[in-house]
Amino acid sequence: DFSEGLALVAEYGWGRAYGFINTRG
């Protein structure tokens, strides 16, 4: 879920590392 405009995501190919995206992706 988004919180304060950012969402935690893991993209395929990132090797199970997590980053954050904004509401525009």
PDBML (XML) file of the C-alpha atoms, coordinates in Angstrom:
<?xml version="1.0" encoding="UTF-8" ?>
<PDBx:datablock datablockName="MODEL"
   xmlns:PDBx="http://pdbml.pdb.org/schema/pdbx-v50.xsd"
   xmlns:xsi="http://www.w3.org/2001/XMLSchema-instance"
   xsi:schemaLocation="http://pdbml.pdb.org/schema/pdbx-v50.xsd pdbx-v50.xsd">
   <PDBx:atom_siteCategory>
      <PDBx:atom_site id="1">
         <PDBx:B_iso_or_equiv>0.00</PDBx:B_iso_or_equiv>
         <PDBx:Cartn_x>0.000</PDBx:Cartn_x>
         <PDBx:Cartn_y>0.000</PDBx:Cartn_y>
         <PDBx:Cartn_z>0.000</PDBx:Cartn_z>
         <PDBx:auth_asym_id>A</PDBx:auth_asym_id>
         <PDBx:auth_atom_id>CA</PDBx:auth_atom_id>
         <PDBx:auth_comp_id>ASP</PDBx:auth_comp_id>
         <PDBx:auth_seq_id>1</PDBx:auth_seq_id>
         <PDBx:group_PDB>ATOM</PDBx:group_PDB>
         <PDBx:label_alt_id xsi:nil="true" />
         <PDBx:label_asym_id>A</PDBx:label_asym_id>
         <PDBx:label_atom_id>CA</PDBx:label_atom_id>
         <PDBx:label_comp_id>ASP</PDBx:label_comp_id>
         <PDBx:label_entity_id>1</PDBx:label_entity_id>
         <PDBx:label_seq_id>1</PDBx:label_seq_id>
         <PDBx:occupancy>1.00</PDBx:occupancy>
         <PDBx:pdbx_PDB_model_num>1</PDBx:pdbx_PDB_model_num>
         <PDBx:type_symbol>C</PDBx:type_symbol>
      </PDBx:atom_site>
      <PDBx:atom_site id="2">
         <PDBx:B_iso_or_equiv>0.00</PDBx:B_iso_or_equiv>
         <PDBx:Cartn_x>0.977</PDBx:Cartn_x>
         <PDBx:Cartn_y>3.624</PDBx:Cartn_y>
         <PDBx:Cartn_z>-0.513</PDBx:Cartn_z>
         <PDBx:auth_asym_id>A</PDBx:auth_asym_id>
         <PDBx:auth_atom_id>CA</PDBx:auth_atom_id>
         <PDBx:auth_comp_id>PHE</PDBx:auth_comp_id>
         <PDBx:auth_seq_id>2</PDBx:auth_seq_id>
         <PDBx:group_PDB>ATOM</PDBx:group_PDB>
         <PDBx:label_alt_id xsi:nil="true" />
         <PDBx:label_asym_id>A</PDBx:label_asym_id>
         <PDBx:label_atom_id>CA</PDBx:label_atom_id>
         <PDBx:label_comp_id>PHE</PDBx:label_comp_id>
         <PDBx:label_entity_id>1</PDBx:label_entity_id>
         <PDBx:label_seq_id>2</PDBx:label_seq_id>
         <PDBx:occupancy>1.00</PDBx:occupancy>
         <PDBx:pdbx_PDB_model_num>1</PDBx:pdbx_PDB_model_num>
         <PDBx:type_symbol>C</PDBx:type_symbol>
      </PDBx:atom_site>
      <PDBx:atom_site id="3">
         <PDBx:B_iso_or_equiv>0.00</PDBx:B_iso_or_equiv>
         <PDBx:Cartn_x>1.889</PDBx:Cartn_x>
         <PDBx:Cartn_y>5.623</PDBx:Cartn_y>
         <PDBx:Cartn_z>2.569</PDBx:Cartn_z>
         <PDBx:auth_asym_id>A</PDBx:auth_asym_id>
         <PDBx:auth_atom_id>CA</PDBx:auth_atom_id>
         <PDBx:auth_comp_id>SER</PDBx:auth_comp_id>
         <PDBx:auth_seq_id>3</PDBx:auth_seq_id>
         <PDBx:group_PDB>ATOM</PDBx:group_PDB>
         <PDBx:label_alt_id xsi:nil="true" />
         <PDBx:label_asym_id>A</PDBx:label_asym_id>
         <PDBx:label_atom_id>CA</PDBx:label_atom_id>
         <PDBx:label_comp_id>SER</PDBx:label_comp_id>
         <PDBx:label_entity_id>1</PDBx:label_entity_id>
         <PDBx:label_seq_id>3</PDBx:label_seq_id>
         <PDBx:occupancy>1.00</PDBx:occupancy>
         <PDBx:pdbx_PDB_model_num>1</PDBx:pdbx_PDB_model_num>
         <PDBx:type_symbol>C</PDBx:type_symbol>
      </PDBx:atom_site>
      <PDBx:atom_site id="4">
         <PDBx:B_iso_or_equiv>0.00</PDBx:B_iso_or_equiv>
         <PDBx:Cartn_x>2.703</PDBx:Cartn_x>
         <PDBx:Cartn_y>9.317</PDBx:Cartn_y>
         <PDBx:Cartn_z>2.333</PDBx:Cartn_z>
         <PDBx:auth_asym_id>A</PDBx:auth_asym_id>
         <PDBx:auth_atom_id>CA</PDBx:auth_atom_id>
         <PDBx:auth_comp_id>GLU</PDBx:auth_comp_id>
         <PDBx:auth_seq_id>4</PDBx:auth_seq_id>
         <PDBx:group_PDB>ATOM</PDBx:group_PDB>
         <PDBx:label_alt_id xsi:nil="true" />
         <PDBx:label_asym_id>A</PDBx:label_asym_id>
         <PDBx:label_atom_id>CA</PDBx:label_atom_id>
         <PDBx:label_comp_id>GLU</PDBx:label_comp_id>
         <PDBx:label_entity_id>1</PDBx:label_entity_id>
         <PDBx:label_seq_id>4</PDBx:label_seq_id>
         <PDBx:occupancy>1.00</PDBx:occupancy>
         <PDBx:pdbx_PDB_model_num>1</PDBx:pdbx_PDB_model_num>
         <PDBx:type_symbol>C</PDBx:type_symbol>
      </PDBx:atom_site>
      <PDBx:atom_site id="5">
         <PDBx:B_iso_or_equiv>0.00</PDBx:B_iso_or_equiv>
         <PDBx:Cartn_x>2.776</PDBx:Cartn_x>
         <PDBx:Cartn_y>9.062</PDBx:Cartn_y>
         <PDBx:Cartn_z>-1.455</PDBx:Cartn_z>
         <PDBx:auth_asym_id>A</PDBx:auth_asym_id>
         <PDBx:auth_atom_id>CA</PDBx:auth_atom_id>
         <PDBx:auth_comp_id>GLY</PDBx:auth_comp_id>
         <PDBx:auth_seq_id>5</PDBx:auth_seq_id>
         <PDBx:group_PDB>ATOM</PDBx:group_PDB>
         <PDBx:label_alt_id xsi:nil="true" />
         <PDBx:label_asym_id>A</PDBx:label_asym_id>
         <PDBx:label_atom_id>CA</PDBx:label_atom_id>
         <PDBx:label_comp_id>GLY</PDBx:label_comp_id>
         <PDBx:label_entity_id>1</PDBx:label_entity_id>
         <PDBx:label_seq_id>5</PDBx:label_seq_id>
         <PDBx:occupancy>1.00</PDBx:occupancy>
         <PDBx:pdbx_PDB_model_num>1</PDBx:pdbx_PDB_model_num>
         <PDBx:type_symbol>C</PDBx:type_symbol>
      </PDBx:atom_site>
      <PDBx:atom_site id="6">
         <PDBx:B_iso_or_equiv>0.00</PDBx:B_iso_or_equiv>
         <PDBx:Cartn_x>5.254</PDBx:Cartn_x>
         <PDBx:Cartn_y>6.161</PDBx:Cartn_y>
         <PDBx:Cartn_z>-1.665</PDBx:Cartn_z>
         <PDBx:auth_asym_id>A</PDBx:auth_asym_id>
         <PDBx:auth_atom_id>CA</PDBx:auth_atom_id>
         <PDBx:auth_comp_id>LEU</PDBx:auth_comp_id>
         <PDBx:auth_seq_id>6</PDBx:auth_seq_id>
         <PDBx:group_PDB>ATOM</PDBx:group_PDB>
         <PDBx:label_alt_id xsi:nil="true" />
         <PDBx:label_asym_id>A</PDBx:label_asym_id>
         <PDBx:label_atom_id>CA</PDBx:label_atom_id>
         <PDBx:label_comp_id>LEU</PDBx:label_comp_id>
         <PDBx:label_entity_id>1</PDBx:label_entity_id>
         <PDBx:label_seq_id>6</PDBx:label_seq_id>
         <PDBx:occupancy>1.00</PDBx:occupancy>
         <PDBx:pdbx_PDB_model_num>1</PDBx:pdbx_PDB_model_num>
         <PDBx:type_symbol>C</PDBx:type_symbol>
      </PDBx:atom_site>
      <PDBx:atom_site id="7">
         <PDBx:B_iso_or_equiv>0.00</PDBx:B_iso_or_equiv>
         <PDBx:Cartn_x>4.750</PDBx:Cartn_x>
         <PDBx:Cartn_y>2.410</PDBx:Cartn_y>
         <PDBx:Cartn_z>-2.049</PDBx:Cartn_z>
         <PDBx:auth_asym_id>A</PDBx:auth_asym_id>
         <PDBx:auth_atom_id>CA</PDBx:auth_atom_id>
         <PDBx:auth_comp_id>ALA</PDBx:auth_comp_id>
         <PDBx:auth_seq_id>7</PDBx:auth_seq_id>
         <PDBx:group_PDB>ATOM</PDBx:group_PDB>
         <PDBx:label_alt_id xsi:nil="true" />
         <PDBx:label_asym_id>A</PDBx:label_asym_id>
         <PDBx:label_atom_id>CA</PDBx:label_atom_id>
         <PDBx:label_comp_id>ALA</PDBx:label_comp_id>
         <PDBx:label_entity_id>1</PDBx:label_entity_id>
         <PDBx:label_seq_id>7</PDBx:label_seq_id>
         <PDBx:occupancy>1.00</PDBx:occupancy>
         <PDBx:pdbx_PDB_model_num>1</PDBx:pdbx_PDB_model_num>
         <PDBx:type_symbol>C</PDBx:type_symbol>
      </PDBx:atom_site>
      <PDBx:atom_site id="8">
         <PDBx:B_iso_or_equiv>0.00</PDBx:B_iso_or_equiv>
         <PDBx:Cartn_x>7.214</PDBx:Cartn_x>
         <PDBx:Cartn_y>-0.369</PDBx:Cartn_y>
         <PDBx:Cartn_z>-1.357</PDBx:Cartn_z>
         <PDBx:auth_asym_id>A</PDBx:auth_asym_id>
         <PDBx:auth_atom_id>CA</PDBx:auth_atom_id>
         <PDBx:auth_comp_id>LEU</PDBx:auth_comp_id>
         <PDBx:auth_seq_id>8</PDBx:auth_seq_id>
         <PDBx:group_PDB>ATOM</PDBx:group_PDB>
         <PDBx:label_alt_id xsi:nil="true" />
         <PDBx:label_asym_id>A</PDBx:label_asym_id>
         <PDBx:label_atom_id>CA</PDBx:label_atom_id>
         <PDBx:label_comp_id>LEU</PDBx:label_comp_id>
         <PDBx:label_entity_id>1</PDBx:label_entity_id>
         <PDBx:label_seq_id>8</PDBx:label_seq_id>
         <PDBx:occupancy>1.00</PDBx:occupancy>
         <PDBx:pdbx_PDB_model_num>1</PDBx:pdbx_PDB_model_num>
         <PDBx:type_symbol>C</PDBx:type_symbol>
      </PDBx:atom_site>
      <PDBx:atom_site id="9">
         <PDBx:B_iso_or_equiv>0.00</PDBx:B_iso_or_equiv>
         <PDBx:Cartn_x>7.794</PDBx:Cartn_x>
         <PDBx:Cartn_y>-2.512</PDBx:Cartn_y>
         <PDBx:Cartn_z>-4.438</PDBx:Cartn_z>
         <PDBx:auth_asym_id>A</PDBx:auth_asym_id>
         <PDBx:auth_atom_id>CA</PDBx:auth_atom_id>
         <PDBx:auth_comp_id>VAL</PDBx:auth_comp_id>
         <PDBx:auth_seq_id>9</PDBx:auth_seq_id>
         <PDBx:group_PDB>ATOM</PDBx:group_PDB>
         <PDBx:label_alt_id xsi:nil="true" />
         <PDBx:label_asym_id>A</PDBx:label_asym_id>
         <PDBx:label_atom_id>CA</PDBx:label_atom_id>
         <PDBx:label_comp_id>VAL</PDBx:label_comp_id>
         <PDBx:label_entity_id>1</PDBx:label_entity_id>
         <PDBx:label_seq_id>9</PDBx:label_seq_id>
         <PDBx:occupancy>1.00</PDBx:occupancy>
         <PDBx:pdbx_PDB_model_num>1</PDBx:pdbx_PDB_model_num>
         <PDBx:type_symbol>C</PDBx:type_symbol>
      </PDBx:atom_site>
      <PDBx:atom_site id="10">
         <PDBx:B_iso_or_equiv>0.00</PDBx:B_iso_or_equiv>
         <PDBx:Cartn_x>10.104</PDBx:Cartn_x>
         <PDBx:Cartn_y>-5.242</PDBx:Cartn_y>
         <PDBx:Cartn_z>-5.690</PDBx:Cartn_z>
         <PDBx:auth_asym_id>A</PDBx:auth_asym_id>
         <PDBx:auth_atom_id>CA</PDBx:auth_atom_id>
         <PDBx:auth_comp_id>ALA</PDBx:auth_comp_id>
         <PDBx:auth_seq_id>10</PDBx:auth_seq_id>
         <PDBx:group_PDB>ATOM</PDBx:group_PDB>
         <PDBx:label_alt_id xsi:nil="true" />
         <PDBx:label_asym_id>A</PDBx:label_asym_id>
         <PDBx:label_atom_id>CA</PDBx:label_atom_id>
         <PDBx:label_comp_id>ALA</PDBx:label_comp_id>
         <PDBx:label_entity_id>1</PDBx:label_entity_id>
         <PDBx:label_seq_id>10</PDBx:label_seq_id>
         <PDBx:occupancy>1.00</PDBx:occupancy>
         <PDBx:pdbx_PDB_model_num>1</PDBx:pdbx_PDB_model_num>
         <PDBx:type_symbol>C</PDBx:type_symbol>
      </PDBx:atom_site>
      <PDBx:atom_site id="11">
         <PDBx:B_iso_or_equiv>0.00</PDBx:B_iso_or_equiv>
         <PDBx:Cartn_x>10.434</PDBx:Cartn_x>
         <PDBx:Cartn_y>-5.416</PDBx:Cartn_y>
         <PDBx:Cartn_z>-9.444</PDBx:Cartn_z>
         <PDBx:auth_asym_id>A</PDBx:auth_asym_id>
         <PDBx:auth_atom_id>CA</PDBx:auth_atom_id>
         <PDBx:auth_comp_id>GLU</PDBx:auth_comp_id>
         <PDBx:auth_seq_id>11</PDBx:auth_seq_id>
         <PDBx:group_PDB>ATOM</PDBx:group_PDB>
         <PDBx:label_alt_id xsi:nil="true" />
         <PDBx:label_asym_id>A</PDBx:label_asym_id>
         <PDBx:label_atom_id>CA</PDBx:label_atom_id>
         <PDBx:label_comp_id>GLU</PDBx:label_comp_id>
         <PDBx:label_entity_id>1</PDBx:label_entity_id>
         <PDBx:label_seq_id>11</PDBx:label_seq_id>
         <PDBx:occupancy>1.00</PDBx:occupancy>
         <PDBx:pdbx_PDB_model_num>1</PDBx:pdbx_PDB_model_num>
         <PDBx:type_symbol>C</PDBx:type_symbol>
      </PDBx:atom_site>
      <PDBx:atom_site id="12">
         <PDBx:B_iso_or_equiv>0.00</PDBx:B_iso_or_equiv>
         <PDBx:Cartn_x>11.333</PDBx:Cartn_x>
         <PDBx:Cartn_y>-8.646</PDBx:Cartn_y>
         <PDBx:Cartn_z>-11.185</PDBx:Cartn_z>
         <PDBx:auth_asym_id>A</PDBx:auth_asym_id>
         <PDBx:auth_atom_id>CA</PDBx:auth_atom_id>
         <PDBx:auth_comp_id>TYR</PDBx:auth_comp_id>
         <PDBx:auth_seq_id>12</PDBx:auth_seq_id>
         <PDBx:group_PDB>ATOM</PDBx:group_PDB>
         <PDBx:label_alt_id xsi:nil="true" />
         <PDBx:label_asym_id>A</PDBx:label_asym_id>
         <PDBx:label_atom_id>CA</PDBx:label_atom_id>
         <PDBx:label_comp_id>TYR</PDBx:label_comp_id>
         <PDBx:label_entity_id>1</PDBx:label_entity_id>
         <PDBx:label_seq_id>12</PDBx:label_seq_id>
         <PDBx:occupancy>1.00</PDBx:occupancy>
         <PDBx:pdbx_PDB_model_num>1</PDBx:pdbx_PDB_model_num>
         <PDBx:type_symbol>C</PDBx:type_symbol>
      </PDBx:atom_site>
      <PDBx:atom_site id="13">
         <PDBx:B_iso_or_equiv>0.00</PDBx:B_iso_or_equiv>
         <PDBx:Cartn_x>15.036</PDBx:Cartn_x>
         <PDBx:Cartn_y>-8.513</PDBx:Cartn_y>
         <PDBx:Cartn_z>-11.901</PDBx:Cartn_z>
         <PDBx:auth_asym_id>A</PDBx:auth_asym_id>
         <PDBx:auth_atom_id>CA</PDBx:auth_atom_id>
         <PDBx:auth_comp_id>GLY</PDBx:auth_comp_id>
         <PDBx:auth_seq_id>13</PDBx:auth_seq_id>
         <PDBx:group_PDB>ATOM</PDBx:group_PDB>
         <PDBx:label_alt_id xsi:nil="true" />
         <PDBx:label_asym_id>A</PDBx:label_asym_id>
         <PDBx:label_atom_id>CA</PDBx:label_atom_id>
         <PDBx:label_comp_id>GLY</PDBx:label_comp_id>
         <PDBx:label_entity_id>1</PDBx:label_entity_id>
         <PDBx:label_seq_id>13</PDBx:label_seq_id>
         <PDBx:occupancy>1.00</PDBx:occupancy>
         <PDBx:pdbx_PDB_model_num>1</PDBx:pdbx_PDB_model_num>
         <PDBx:type_symbol>C</PDBx:type_symbol>
      </PDBx:atom_site>
      <PDBx:atom_site id="14">
         <PDBx:B_iso_or_equiv>0.00</PDBx:B_iso_or_equiv>
         <PDBx:Cartn_x>15.871</PDBx:Cartn_x>
         <PDBx:Cartn_y>-6.499</PDBx:Cartn_y>
         <PDBx:Cartn_z>-8.777</PDBx:Cartn_z>
         <PDBx:auth_asym_id>A</PDBx:auth_asym_id>
         <PDBx:auth_atom_id>CA</PDBx:auth_atom_id>
         <PDBx:auth_comp_id>TRP</PDBx:auth_comp_id>
         <PDBx:auth_seq_id>14</PDBx:auth_seq_id>
         <PDBx:group_PDB>ATOM</PDBx:group_PDB>
         <PDBx:label_alt_id xsi:nil="true" />
         <PDBx:label_asym_id>A</PDBx:label_asym_id>
         <PDBx:label_atom_id>CA</PDBx:label_atom_id>
         <PDBx:label_comp_id>TRP</PDBx:label_comp_id>
         <PDBx:label_entity_id>1</PDBx:label_entity_id>
         <PDBx:label_seq_id>14</PDBx:label_seq_id>
         <PDBx:occupancy>1.00</PDBx:occupancy>
         <PDBx:pdbx_PDB_model_num>1</PDBx:pdbx_PDB_model_num>
         <PDBx:type_symbol>C</PDBx:type_symbol>
      </PDBx:atom_site>
      <PDBx:atom_site id="15">
         <PDBx:B_iso_or_equiv>0.00</PDBx:B_iso_or_equiv>
         <PDBx:Cartn_x>16.918</PDBx:Cartn_x>
         <PDBx:Cartn_y>-9.693</PDBx:Cartn_y>
         <PDBx:Cartn_z>-7.007</PDBx:Cartn_z>
         <PDBx:auth_asym_id>A</PDBx:auth_asym_id>
         <PDBx:auth_atom_id>CA</PDBx:auth_atom_id>
         <PDBx:auth_comp_id>GLY</PDBx:auth_comp_id>
         <PDBx:auth_seq_id>15</PDBx:auth_seq_id>
         <PDBx:group_PDB>ATOM</PDBx:group_PDB>
         <PDBx:label_alt_id xsi:nil="true" />
         <PDBx:label_asym_id>A</PDBx:label_asym_id>
         <PDBx:label_atom_id>CA</PDBx:label_atom_id>
         <PDBx:label_comp_id>GLY</PDBx:label_comp_id>
         <PDBx:label_entity_id>1</PDBx:label_entity_id>
         <PDBx:label_seq_id>15</PDBx:label_seq_id>
         <PDBx:occupancy>1.00</PDBx:occupancy>
         <PDBx:pdbx_PDB_model_num>1</PDBx:pdbx_PDB_model_num>
         <PDBx:type_symbol>C</PDBx:type_symbol>
      </PDBx:atom_site>
      <PDBx:atom_site id="16">
         <PDBx:B_iso_or_equiv>0.00</PDBx:B_iso_or_equiv>
         <PDBx:Cartn_x>14.363</PDBx:Cartn_x>
         <PDBx:Cartn_y>-9.405</PDBx:Cartn_y>
         <PDBx:Cartn_z>-4.195</PDBx:Cartn_z>
         <PDBx:auth_asym_id>A</PDBx:auth_asym_id>
         <PDBx:auth_atom_id>CA</PDBx:auth_atom_id>
         <PDBx:auth_comp_id>ARG</PDBx:auth_comp_id>
         <PDBx:auth_seq_id>16</PDBx:auth_seq_id>
         <PDBx:group_PDB>ATOM</PDBx:group_PDB>
         <PDBx:label_alt_id xsi:nil="true" />
         <PDBx:label_asym_id>A</PDBx:label_asym_id>
         <PDBx:label_atom_id>CA</PDBx:label_atom_id>
         <PDBx:label_comp_id>ARG</PDBx:label_comp_id>
         <PDBx:label_entity_id>1</PDBx:label_entity_id>
         <PDBx:label_seq_id>16</PDBx:label_seq_id>
         <PDBx:occupancy>1.00</PDBx:occupancy>
         <PDBx:pdbx_PDB_model_num>1</PDBx:pdbx_PDB_model_num>
         <PDBx:type_symbol>C</PDBx:type_symbol>
      </PDBx:atom_site>
      <PDBx:atom_site id="17">
         <PDBx:B_iso_or_equiv>0.00</PDBx:B_iso_or_equiv>
         <PDBx:Cartn_x>15.602</PDBx:Cartn_x>
         <PDBx:Cartn_y>-5.925</PDBx:Cartn_y>
         <PDBx:Cartn_z>-3.294</PDBx:Cartn_z>
         <PDBx:auth_asym_id>A</PDBx:auth_asym_id>
         <PDBx:auth_atom_id>CA</PDBx:auth_atom_id>
         <PDBx:auth_comp_id>ALA</PDBx:auth_comp_id>
         <PDBx:auth_seq_id>17</PDBx:auth_seq_id>
         <PDBx:group_PDB>ATOM</PDBx:group_PDB>
         <PDBx:label_alt_id xsi:nil="true" />
         <PDBx:label_asym_id>A</PDBx:label_asym_id>
         <PDBx:label_atom_id>CA</PDBx:label_atom_id>
         <PDBx:label_comp_id>ALA</PDBx:label_comp_id>
         <PDBx:label_entity_id>1</PDBx:label_entity_id>
         <PDBx:label_seq_id>17</PDBx:label_seq_id>
         <PDBx:occupancy>1.00</PDBx:occupancy>
         <PDBx:pdbx_PDB_model_num>1</PDBx:pdbx_PDB_model_num>
         <PDBx:type_symbol>C</PDBx:type_symbol>
      </PDBx:atom_site>
      <PDBx:atom_site id="18">
         <PDBx:B_iso_or_equiv>0.00</PDBx:B_iso_or_equiv>
         <PDBx:Cartn_x>12.935</PDBx:Cartn_x>
         <PDBx:Cartn_y>-3.409</PDBx:Cartn_y>
         <PDBx:Cartn_z>-2.393</PDBx:Cartn_z>
         <PDBx:auth_asym_id>A</PDBx:auth_asym_id>
         <PDBx:auth_atom_id>CA</PDBx:auth_atom_id>
         <PDBx:auth_comp_id>TYR</PDBx:auth_comp_id>
         <PDBx:auth_seq_id>18</PDBx:auth_seq_id>
         <PDBx:group_PDB>ATOM</PDBx:group_PDB>
         <PDBx:label_alt_id xsi:nil="true" />
         <PDBx:label_asym_id>A</PDBx:label_asym_id>
         <PDBx:label_atom_id>CA</PDBx:label_atom_id>
         <PDBx:label_comp_id>TYR</PDBx:label_comp_id>
         <PDBx:label_entity_id>1</PDBx:label_entity_id>
         <PDBx:label_seq_id>18</PDBx:label_seq_id>
         <PDBx:occupancy>1.00</PDBx:occupancy>
         <PDBx:pdbx_PDB_model_num>1</PDBx:pdbx_PDB_model_num>
         <PDBx:type_symbol>C</PDBx:type_symbol>
      </PDBx:atom_site>
      <PDBx:atom_site id="19">
         <PDBx:B_iso_or_equiv>0.00</PDBx:B_iso_or_equiv>
         <PDBx:Cartn_x>12.525</PDBx:Cartn_x>
         <PDBx:Cartn_y>0.194</PDBx:Cartn_y>
         <PDBx:Cartn_z>-3.445</PDBx:Cartn_z>
         <PDBx:auth_asym_id>A</PDBx:auth_asym_id>
         <PDBx:auth_atom_id>CA</PDBx:auth_atom_id>
         <PDBx:auth_comp_id>GLY</PDBx:auth_comp_id>
         <PDBx:auth_seq_id>19</PDBx:auth_seq_id>
         <PDBx:group_PDB>ATOM</PDBx:group_PDB>
         <PDBx:label_alt_id xsi:nil="true" />
         <PDBx:label_asym_id>A</PDBx:label_asym_id>
         <PDBx:label_atom_id>CA</PDBx:label_atom_id>
         <PDBx:label_comp_id>GLY</PDBx:label_comp_id>
         <PDBx:label_entity_id>1</PDBx:label_entity_id>
         <PDBx:label_seq_id>19</PDBx:label_seq_id>
         <PDBx:occupancy>1.00</PDBx:occupancy>
         <PDBx:pdbx_PDB_model_num>1</PDBx:pdbx_PDB_model_num>
         <PDBx:type_symbol>C</PDBx:type_symbol>
      </PDBx:atom_site>
      <PDBx:atom_site id="20">
         <PDBx:B_iso_or_equiv>0.00</PDBx:B_iso_or_equiv>
         <PDBx:Cartn_x>9.767</PDBx:Cartn_x>
         <PDBx:Cartn_y>2.802</PDBx:Cartn_y>
         <PDBx:Cartn_z>-3.441</PDBx:Cartn_z>
         <PDBx:auth_asym_id>A</PDBx:auth_asym_id>
         <PDBx:auth_atom_id>CA</PDBx:auth_atom_id>
         <PDBx:auth_comp_id>PHE</PDBx:auth_comp_id>
         <PDBx:auth_seq_id>20</PDBx:auth_seq_id>
         <PDBx:group_PDB>ATOM</PDBx:group_PDB>
         <PDBx:label_alt_id xsi:nil="true" />
         <PDBx:label_asym_id>A</PDBx:label_asym_id>
         <PDBx:label_atom_id>CA</PDBx:label_atom_id>
         <PDBx:label_comp_id>PHE</PDBx:label_comp_id>
         <PDBx:label_entity_id>1</PDBx:label_entity_id>
         <PDBx:label_seq_id>20</PDBx:label_seq_id>
         <PDBx:occupancy>1.00</PDBx:occupancy>
         <PDBx:pdbx_PDB_model_num>1</PDBx:pdbx_PDB_model_num>
         <PDBx:type_symbol>C</PDBx:type_symbol>
      </PDBx:atom_site>
      <PDBx:atom_site id="21">
         <PDBx:B_iso_or_equiv>0.00</PDBx:B_iso_or_equiv>
         <PDBx:Cartn_x>7.660</PDBx:Cartn_x>
         <PDBx:Cartn_y>4.287</PDBx:Cartn_y>
         <PDBx:Cartn_z>-6.238</PDBx:Cartn_z>
         <PDBx:auth_asym_id>A</PDBx:auth_asym_id>
         <PDBx:auth_atom_id>CA</PDBx:auth_atom_id>
         <PDBx:auth_comp_id>ILE</PDBx:auth_comp_id>
         <PDBx:auth_seq_id>21</PDBx:auth_seq_id>
         <PDBx:group_PDB>ATOM</PDBx:group_PDB>
         <PDBx:label_alt_id xsi:nil="true" />
         <PDBx:label_asym_id>A</PDBx:label_asym_id>
         <PDBx:label_atom_id>CA</PDBx:label_atom_id>
         <PDBx:label_comp_id>ILE</PDBx:label_comp_id>
         <PDBx:label_entity_id>1</PDBx:label_entity_id>
         <PDBx:label_seq_id>21</PDBx:label_seq_id>
         <PDBx:occupancy>1.00</PDBx:occupancy>
         <PDBx:pdbx_PDB_model_num>1</PDBx:pdbx_PDB_model_num>
         <PDBx:type_symbol>C</PDBx:type_symbol>
      </PDBx:atom_site>
      <PDBx:atom_site id="22">
         <PDBx:B_iso_or_equiv>0.00</PDBx:B_iso_or_equiv>
         <PDBx:Cartn_x>5.405</PDBx:Cartn_x>
         <PDBx:Cartn_y>7.339</PDBx:Cartn_y>
         <PDBx:Cartn_z>-6.346</PDBx:Cartn_z>
         <PDBx:auth_asym_id>A</PDBx:auth_asym_id>
         <PDBx:auth_atom_id>CA</PDBx:auth_atom_id>
         <PDBx:auth_comp_id>ASN</PDBx:auth_comp_id>
         <PDBx:auth_seq_id>22</PDBx:auth_seq_id>
         <PDBx:group_PDB>ATOM</PDBx:group_PDB>
         <PDBx:label_alt_id xsi:nil="true" />
         <PDBx:label_asym_id>A</PDBx:label_asym_id>
         <PDBx:label_atom_id>CA</PDBx:label_atom_id>
         <PDBx:label_comp_id>ASN</PDBx:label_comp_id>
         <PDBx:label_entity_id>1</PDBx:label_entity_id>
         <PDBx:label_seq_id>22</PDBx:label_seq_id>
         <PDBx:occupancy>1.00</PDBx:occupancy>
         <PDBx:pdbx_PDB_model_num>1</PDBx:pdbx_PDB_model_num>
         <PDBx:type_symbol>C</PDBx:type_symbol>
      </PDBx:atom_site>
      <PDBx:atom_site id="23">
         <PDBx:B_iso_or_equiv>0.00</PDBx:B_iso_or_equiv>
         <PDBx:Cartn_x>1.770</PDBx:Cartn_x>
         <PDBx:Cartn_y>7.389</PDBx:Cartn_y>
         <PDBx:Cartn_z>-7.524</PDBx:Cartn_z>
         <PDBx:auth_asym_id>A</PDBx:auth_asym_id>
         <PDBx:auth_atom_id>CA</PDBx:auth_atom_id>
         <PDBx:auth_comp_id>THR</PDBx:auth_comp_id>
         <PDBx:auth_seq_id>23</PDBx:auth_seq_id>
         <PDBx:group_PDB>ATOM</PDBx:group_PDB>
         <PDBx:label_alt_id xsi:nil="true" />
         <PDBx:label_asym_id>A</PDBx:label_asym_id>
         <PDBx:label_atom_id>CA</PDBx:label_atom_id>
         <PDBx:label_comp_id>THR</PDBx:label_comp_id>
         <PDBx:label_entity_id>1</PDBx:label_entity_id>
         <PDBx:label_seq_id>23</PDBx:label_seq_id>
         <PDBx:occupancy>1.00</PDBx:occupancy>
         <PDBx:pdbx_PDB_model_num>1</PDBx:pdbx_PDB_model_num>
         <PDBx:type_symbol>C</PDBx:type_symbol>
      </PDBx:atom_site>
      <PDBx:atom_site id="24">
         <PDBx:B_iso_or_equiv>0.00</PDBx:B_iso_or_equiv>
         <PDBx:Cartn_x>2.925</PDBx:Cartn_x>
         <PDBx:Cartn_y>7.851</PDBx:Cartn_y>
         <PDBx:Cartn_z>-11.142</PDBx:Cartn_z>
         <PDBx:auth_asym_id>A</PDBx:auth_asym_id>
         <PDBx:auth_atom_id>CA</PDBx:auth_atom_id>
         <PDBx:auth_comp_id>ARG</PDBx:auth_comp_id>
         <PDBx:auth_seq_id>24</PDBx:auth_seq_id>
         <PDBx:group_PDB>ATOM</PDBx:group_PDB>
         <PDBx:label_alt_id xsi:nil="true" />
         <PDBx:label_asym_id>A</PDBx:label_asym_id>
         <PDBx:label_atom_id>CA</PDBx:label_atom_id>
         <PDBx:label_comp_id>ARG</PDBx:label_comp_id>
         <PDBx:label_entity_id>1</PDBx:label_entity_id>
         <PDBx:label_seq_id>24</PDBx:label_seq_id>
         <PDBx:occupancy>1.00</PDBx:occupancy>
         <PDBx:pdbx_PDB_model_num>1</PDBx:pdbx_PDB_model_num>
         <PDBx:type_symbol>C</PDBx:type_symbol>
      </PDBx:atom_site>
      <PDBx:atom_site id="25">
         <PDBx:B_iso_or_equiv>0.00</PDBx:B_iso_or_equiv>
         <PDBx:Cartn_x>4.926</PDBx:Cartn_x>
         <PDBx:Cartn_y>4.612</PDBx:Cartn_y>
         <PDBx:Cartn_z>-10.962</PDBx:Cartn_z>
         <PDBx:auth_asym_id>A</PDBx:auth_asym_id>
         <PDBx:auth_atom_id>CA</PDBx:auth_atom_id>
         <PDBx:auth_comp_id>GLY</PDBx:auth_comp_id>
         <PDBx:auth_seq_id>25</PDBx:auth_seq_id>
         <PDBx:group_PDB>ATOM</PDBx:group_PDB>
         <PDBx:label_alt_id xsi:nil="true" />
         <PDBx:label_asym_id>A</PDBx:label_asym_id>
         <PDBx:label_atom_id>CA</PDBx:label_atom_id>
         <PDBx:label_comp_id>GLY</PDBx:label_comp_id>
         <PDBx:label_entity_id>1</PDBx:label_entity_id>
         <PDBx:label_seq_id>25</PDBx:label_seq_id>
         <PDBx:occupancy>1.00</PDBx:occupancy>
         <PDBx:pdbx_PDB_model_num>1</PDBx:pdbx_PDB_model_num>
         <PDBx:type_symbol>C</PDBx:type_symbol>
      </PDBx:atom_site>
   </PDBx:atom_siteCategory>
</PDBx:datablock>
